[in-house]
C-alpha atoms as a PDB file:
ATOM      1  CA  MET A   1     -44.918  -6.043  43.765  1.00  0.00           C
ATOM      2  CA  GLU A   2     -44.348  -9.902  42.140  1.00  0.00           C
ATOM      3  CA  LEU A   3     -44.132  -8.586  38.543  1.00  0.00           C
ATOM      4  CA  PHE A   4     -42.400  -4.522  39.936  1.00  0.00           C
ATOM      5  CA  ILE A   5     -38.932  -6.493  40.661  1.00  0.00           C
ATOM      6  CA  PRO A   6     -38.400  -8.708  37.356  1.00  0.00           C
ATOM      7  CA  GLY A   7     -39.060  -6.422  35.573  1.00  0.00           C
ATOM      8  CA  LEU A   8     -36.788  -3.972  37.451  1.00  0.00           C
ATOM      9  CA  LEU A   9     -34.152  -6.423  36.965  1.00  0.00           C
ATOM     10  CA  VAL A  10     -34.136  -7.050  33.255  1.00  0.00           C
ATOM     11  CA  PHE A  11     -34.435  -2.831  32.787  1.00  0.00           C
ATOM     12  CA  PHE A  12     -31.199  -2.768  35.007  1.00  0.00           C
ATOM     13  CA  VAL A  13     -30.132  -5.478  32.869  1.00  0.00           C
ATOM     14  CA  VAL A  14     -30.740  -3.706  29.699  1.00  0.00           C
ATOM     15  CA  ILE A  15     -29.497  -0.690  30.677  1.00  0.00           C
ATOM     16  CA  ALA A  16     -25.843  -2.390  31.826  1.00  0.00           C
ATOM     17  CA  ILE A  17     -26.401  -4.341  28.441  1.00  0.00           C
ATOM     18  CA  SER A  18     -26.543  -0.660  26.325  1.00  0.00           C
ATOM     19  CA  PHE A  19     -23.704   1.316  28.145  1.00  0.00           C
ATOM     20  CA  LEU A  20     -20.774  -1.003  28.308  1.00  0.00           C
ATOM     21  CA  VAL A  21     -21.709  -3.832  26.025  1.00  0.00           C
ATOM     22  CA  ILE A  22     -23.312  -2.503  23.243  1.00  0.00           C
ATOM     23  CA  PRO A  23     -20.617   0.917  22.025  1.00  0.00           C
ATOM     24  CA  ARG A  24     -17.994  -1.923  21.478  1.00  0.00           C
ATOM     25  CA  PHE A  25     -19.411  -3.883  19.134  1.00  0.00           C
ATOM     26  CA  THR A  26     -18.190  -2.947  15.435  1.00  0.00           C
ATOM     27  CA  PRO A  27     -20.518  -1.391  12.771  1.00  0.00           C
ATOM     28  CA  LEU A  28     -20.605  -4.692  10.840  1.00  0.00           C
ATOM     29  CA  LEU A  29     -21.423  -7.014  14.044  1.00  0.00           C
ATOM     30  CA  ALA A  30     -24.336  -3.631  14.768  1.00  0.00           C
ATOM     31  CA  ALA A  31     -25.388  -4.550  11.145  1.00  0.00           C
ATOM     32  CA  ILE A  32     -25.605  -7.756  11.179  1.00  0.00           C
ATOM     33  CA  LEU A  33     -27.284  -8.305  14.561  1.00  0.00           C
ATOM     34  CA  SER A  34     -29.772  -6.545  13.346  1.00  0.00           C
ATOM     35  CA  ILE A  35     -30.589  -8.202  10.208  1.00  0.00           C
ATOM     36  CA  VAL A  36     -30.955 -11.112  12.950  1.00  0.00           C
ATOM     37  CA  PHE A  37     -33.476  -9.084  15.226  1.00  0.00           C
ATOM     38  CA  LEU A  38     -35.201  -8.061  12.027  1.00  0.00           C
ATOM     39  CA  THR A  39     -35.983 -11.453  11.065  1.00  0.00           C
ATOM     40  CA  LEU A  40     -36.656 -12.399  14.585  1.00  0.00           C
ATOM     41  CA  GLY A  41     -39.366  -9.616  14.964  1.00  0.00           C
ATOM     42  CA  VAL A  42     -40.626 -10.562  11.026  1.00  0.00           C
ATOM     43  CA  ARG A  43     -40.700 -14.181  11.983  1.00  0.00           C
ATOM     44  CA  GLN A  44     -42.471 -13.039  15.159  1.00  0.00           C
ATOM     45  CA  HIS A  45     -45.601 -11.534  13.692  1.00  0.00           C
ATOM     46  CA  TYR A  46     -46.171 -13.459  11.579  1.00  0.00           C
ATOM     47  CA  MET A  47     -46.562 -16.128  14.273  1.00  0.00           C
ATOM     48  CA  MET A  48     -48.818 -13.881  16.576  1.00  0.00           C
ATOM     49  CA  PHE A  49     -51.090 -12.770  13.684  1.00  0.00           C
ATOM     50  CA  ALA A  50     -51.369 -16.315  11.315  1.00  0.00           C
ATOM     51  CA  SER A  51     -54.503 -16.286  10.856  1.00  0.00           C
ATOM     52  CA  GLU A  52     -54.929 -12.779   9.381  1.00  0.00           C
ATOM     53  CA  TYR A  53     -51.896 -13.520   6.435  1.00  0.00           C
ATOM     54  CA  ARG A  54     -53.897 -16.437   5.533  1.00  0.00           C
ATOM     55  CA  LEU A  55     -57.117 -14.540   5.355  1.00  0.00           C
ATOM     56  CA  SER A  56     -55.352 -11.884   3.370  1.00  0.00           C
ATOM     57  CA  THR A  57     -54.898 -12.061  -0.256  1.00  0.00           C
ATOM     58  CA  TRP A  58     -51.489 -12.454  -2.057  1.00  0.00           C
ATOM     59  CA  GLN A  59     -50.895  -8.515  -2.463  1.00  0.00           C
ATOM     60  CA  ASP A  60     -51.722  -7.806   0.628  1.00  0.00           C
ATOM     61  CA  SER A  61     -49.086 -10.388   2.806  1.00  0.00           C
ATOM     62  CA  LEU A  62     -46.536  -8.370  -0.140  1.00  0.00           C
ATOM     63  CA  LYS A  63     -46.969  -5.015   1.522  1.00  0.00           C
ATOM     64  CA  ILE A  64     -46.685  -6.375   5.105  1.00  0.00           C
ATOM     65  CA  TYR A  65     -43.414  -7.501   4.036  1.00  0.00           C
ATOM     66  CA  ALA A  66     -42.225  -4.535   1.810  1.00  0.00           C
ATOM     67  CA  PRO A  67     -40.879  -2.104   5.365  1.00  0.00           C
ATOM     68  CA  ALA A  68     -38.645  -5.033   6.307  1.00  0.00           C
ATOM     69  CA  ILE A  69     -37.231  -6.099   2.409  1.00  0.00           C
ATOM     70  CA  MET A  70     -36.440  -2.319   2.509  1.00  0.00           C
ATOM     71  CA  ILE A  71     -34.780  -2.423   5.934  1.00  0.00           C
ATOM     72  CA  GLY A  72     -33.347  -5.581   5.230  1.00  0.00           C
ATOM     73  CA  ALA A  73     -31.946  -4.358   1.942  1.00  0.00           C
ATOM     74  CA  ILE A  74     -30.516  -1.208   3.098  1.00  0.00           C
ATOM     75  CA  ILE A  75     -28.873  -2.882   6.150  1.00  0.00           C
ATOM     76  CA  LEU A  76     -27.202  -5.695   3.249  1.00  0.00           C
ATOM     77  CA  PHE A  77     -26.117  -2.465   1.604  1.00  0.00           C
ATOM     78  CA  ILE A  78     -24.023  -0.760   4.907  1.00  0.00           C
ATOM     79  CA  ILE A  79     -22.304  -4.530   5.470  1.00  0.00           C
ATOM     80  CA  TYR A  80     -21.185  -4.601   1.881  1.00  0.00           C
ATOM     81  CA  SER A  81     -20.185  -0.969   1.760  1.00  0.00           C
ATOM     82  CA  ILE A  82     -18.899  -1.619   5.966  1.00  0.00           C
ATOM     83  CA  LEU A  83     -16.544  -4.830   3.763  1.00  0.00           C
ATOM     84  CA  ALA A  84     -14.977  -2.900   0.866  1.00  0.00           C
ATOM     85  CA  LEU A  85     -14.024   0.085   2.486  1.00  0.00           C
ATOM     86  CA  PHE A  86     -12.799  -1.148   6.240  1.00  0.00           C
ATOM     87  CA  THR A  87     -11.368  -5.174   5.182  1.00  0.00           C
ATOM     88  CA  LYS A  88     -10.875  -5.875   8.916  1.00  0.00           C
ATOM     89  CA  GLY A  89     -14.708  -5.451   9.973  1.00  0.00           C
ATOM     90  CA  SER A  90     -13.593  -2.409  12.338  1.00  0.00           C
ATOM     91  CA  VAL A  91     -13.364   1.893  11.138  1.00  0.00           C
ATOM     92  CA  PRO A  92     -10.019   3.207  12.106  1.00  0.00           C
ATOM     93  CA  VAL A  93      -9.991   6.389  13.763  1.00  0.00           C
ATOM     94  CA  PRO A  94      -7.086   8.505  12.678  1.00  0.00           C
ATOM     95  CA  SER A  95      -5.006  10.356  15.144  1.00  0.00           C
ATOM     96  CA  MET A  96      -4.554  14.138  15.578  1.00  0.00           C
ATOM     97  CA  PRO A  97      -2.324  15.854  14.126  1.00  0.00           C
ATOM     98  CA  ASN A  98       0.379  17.929  16.666  1.00  0.00           C
ATOM     99  CA  ILE A  99       0.083  20.911  15.245  1.00  0.00           C
ATOM    100  CA  THR A 100       2.556  23.662  16.817  1.00  0.00           C
ATOM    101  CA  ALA A 101       1.607  27.723  15.644  1.00  0.00           C
ATOM    102  CA  PRO A 102       4.770  29.772  14.337  1.00  0.00           C
ATOM    103  CA  ASN A 103       6.373  32.019  16.443  1.00  0.00           C
ATOM    104  CA  GLU A 104       4.922  35.740  16.022  1.00  0.00           C
ATOM    105  CA  ASN A 105       8.048  37.086  15.239  1.00  0.00           C
ATOM    106  CA  THR A 106       8.194  34.798  12.200  1.00  0.00           C
ATOM    107  CA  VAL A 107       5.128  35.677  11.369  1.00  0.00           C
ATOM    108  CA  THR A 108       5.921  38.745  11.206  1.00  0.00           C
ATOM    109  CA  ASP A 109       9.986  39.067   9.616  1.00  0.00           C
ATOM    110  CA  ASN A 110       8.078  37.072   6.907  1.00  0.00           C
ATOM    111  CA  VAL A 111       5.043  39.536   5.956  1.00  0.00           C
ATOM    112  CA  LEU A 112       7.765  42.406   6.219  1.00  0.00           C
ATOM    113  CA  GLU A 113      10.109  41.320   3.915  1.00  0.00           C
ATOM    114  CA  SER A 114       6.966  39.658   1.523  1.00  0.00           C
ATOM    115  CA  LEU A 115       5.924  43.767   1.991  1.00  0.00           C
ATOM    116  CA  ASN A 116       9.487  45.280   0.994  1.00  0.00           C
ATOM    117  CA  THR A 117       9.877  42.715  -1.853  1.00  0.00           C
ATOM    118  CA  ALA A 118       6.599  43.964  -2.825  1.00  0.00           C
ATOM    119  CA  ALA A 119       7.529  47.496  -3.054  1.00  0.00           C
ATOM    120  CA  ASN A 120      11.402  47.030  -3.939  1.00  0.00           C
ATOM    121  CA  SER A 121       9.508  45.618  -7.531  1.00  0.00           C
ATOM    122  CA  LEU A 122       6.634  48.149  -7.793  1.00  0.00           C
ATOM    123  CA  ALA A 123       9.821  50.199  -7.662  1.00  0.00           C
ATOM    124  CA  ASN A 124      11.473  48.262 -10.168  1.00  0.00           C
ATOM    125  CA  ILE A 125       8.567  47.855 -12.308  1.00  0.00           C
ATOM    126  CA  ASN A 126       8.089  52.204 -12.446  1.00  0.00           C
ATOM    127  CA  ALA A 127      11.831  53.081 -13.105  1.00  0.00           C
ATOM    128  CA  ASN A 128      11.545  50.310 -16.356  1.00  0.00           C
ATOM    129  CA  LEU A 129       8.082  51.500 -17.319  1.00  0.00           C
ATOM    130  CA  GLU A 130       9.268  55.244 -17.401  1.00  0.00           C
ATOM    131  CA  GLU A 131      12.529  54.416 -18.724  1.00  0.00           C
ATOM    132  CA  THR A 132      10.508  52.823 -21.717  1.00  0.00           C
ATOM    133  CA  VAL A 133       7.685  55.586 -21.569  1.00  0.00           C
ATOM    134  CA  ASN A 134      11.073  58.091 -22.299  1.00  0.00           C
ATOM    135  CA  GLU A 135      12.431  56.435 -25.221  1.00  0.00           C
ATOM    136  CA  ALA A 136       9.068  55.560 -26.437  1.00  0.00           C
ATOM    137  CA  VAL A 137       8.392  60.015 -26.551  1.00  0.00           C
ATOM    138  CA  ASN A 138      11.955  60.848 -28.110  1.00  0.00           C
ATOM    139  CA  THR A 139      11.308  58.093 -30.633  1.00  0.00           C
ATOM    140  CA  VAL A 140       7.885  59.651 -31.588  1.00  0.00           C
ATOM    141  CA  ASN A 141       9.711  63.380 -31.384  1.00  0.00           C
ATOM    142  CA  GLU A 142      12.526  62.179 -33.494  1.00  0.00           C
ATOM    143  CA  ASN A 143      10.279  60.922 -36.063  1.00  0.00           C
ATOM    144  CA  ALA A 144       7.810  63.414 -36.165  1.00  0.00           C
ATOM    145  CA  THR A 145      10.931  66.143 -36.432  1.00  0.00           C
ATOM    146  CA  LYS A 146      11.979  63.939 -39.452  1.00  0.00           C
ATOM    147  CA  LEU A 147       8.922  64.130 -40.831  1.00  0.00           C
ATOM    148  CA  LEU A 148       8.216  67.426 -41.080  1.00  0.00           C
ATOM    149  CA  ASN A 149      11.505  68.517 -42.394  1.00  0.00           C
ATOM    150  CA  ASN A 150      10.605  65.815 -45.231  1.00  0.00           C
ATOM    151  CA  ILE A 151       7.804  68.066 -45.569  1.00  0.00           C
ATOM    152  CA  THR A 152       8.546  71.814 -46.287  1.00  0.00           C
ATOM    153  CA  GLY A 153      11.970  70.553 -47.985  1.00  0.00           C
ATOM    154  CA  ASN A 154       9.719  68.656 -50.568  1.00  0.00           C
ATOM    155  CA  ASN A 155       7.112  71.509 -50.512  1.00  0.00           C
ATOM    156  CA  ASN A 156       9.838  74.316 -51.248  1.00  0.00           C
ATOM    157  CA  LYS A 157      11.743  72.218 -54.387  1.00  0.00           C
ATOM    158  CA  ASN A 158       8.086  71.445 -55.537  1.00  0.00           C
ATOM    159  CA  LYS A 159       7.339  75.196 -55.755  1.00  0.00           C
ATOM    160  CA  ASN A 160      10.702  76.058 -57.074  1.00  0.00           C
ATOM    161  CA  LYS A 161      10.063  73.651 -59.524  1.00  0.00           C
ATOM    162  CA  ASN A 162       6.752  74.760 -60.863  1.00  0.00           C
ATOM    163  CA  LYS A 163       7.560  78.048 -61.093  1.00  0.00           C
ATOM    164  CA  ASN A 164      10.350  77.645 -63.582  1.00  0.00           C
ATOM    165  CA  GLU A 165       8.854  75.189 -65.961  1.00  0.00           C
ATOM    166  CA  ASN A 166       5.779  75.763 -67.731  1.00  0.00           C
ATOM    167  CA  ASN A 167       4.109  72.791 -68.557  1.00  0.00           C
ATOM    168  CA  LEU A 168       0.717  71.263 -67.404  1.00  0.00           C
ATOM    169  CA  SER A 169       0.947  70.589 -64.408  1.00  0.00           C
ATOM    170  CA  ARG A 170       0.558  74.103 -62.879  1.00  0.00           C
ATOM    171  CA  SER A 171      -3.011  75.205 -60.986  1.00  0.00           C
ATOM    172  CA  PHE A 172      -5.001  77.353 -62.817  1.00  0.00           C
ATOM    173  CA  LEU A 173      -3.865  80.348 -60.069  1.00  0.00           C
ATOM    174  CA  GLU A 174      -0.353  80.097 -60.964  1.00  0.00           C
ATOM    175  CA  THR A 175      -1.053  81.168 -64.162  1.00  0.00           C
ATOM    176  CA  LEU A 176      -3.163  84.134 -63.180  1.00  0.00           C
END
């Protein structure tokens, strides 16, 4: 019983500190406390096992400090990041914006207006395309008619010209 009540008291004090005090710490303070506790833990470990540290070679003693050095470097990097990003040492929490949904009638009106605009645009495109195609067909028909008239007119002139003249430009079949 003599060890149970002091242990229970320490347990409740640790719970109170964990739930009431630690959540109020800033990240910067938590990082600084972690460096302090890491340093105290390494020192306590060295004091407890001092004879084993003396008897080991210098390479082995460096291997022991490697995790502590890495954790310390990471914590220093976190502290530097906090100081670089947040100059006051506390992380600002932005407030949530107030989002209001639009009225459903305005949404459907906007959708219907967009659909009507798209339908009118397609009708205009269709009319312009039909007009352009008709103009192109008429132009092709006119040019084809002129070309046919020129070809038939030239052939008639050449036939008459060749029949009237007796020169070397006549074909072999015309002379027979």
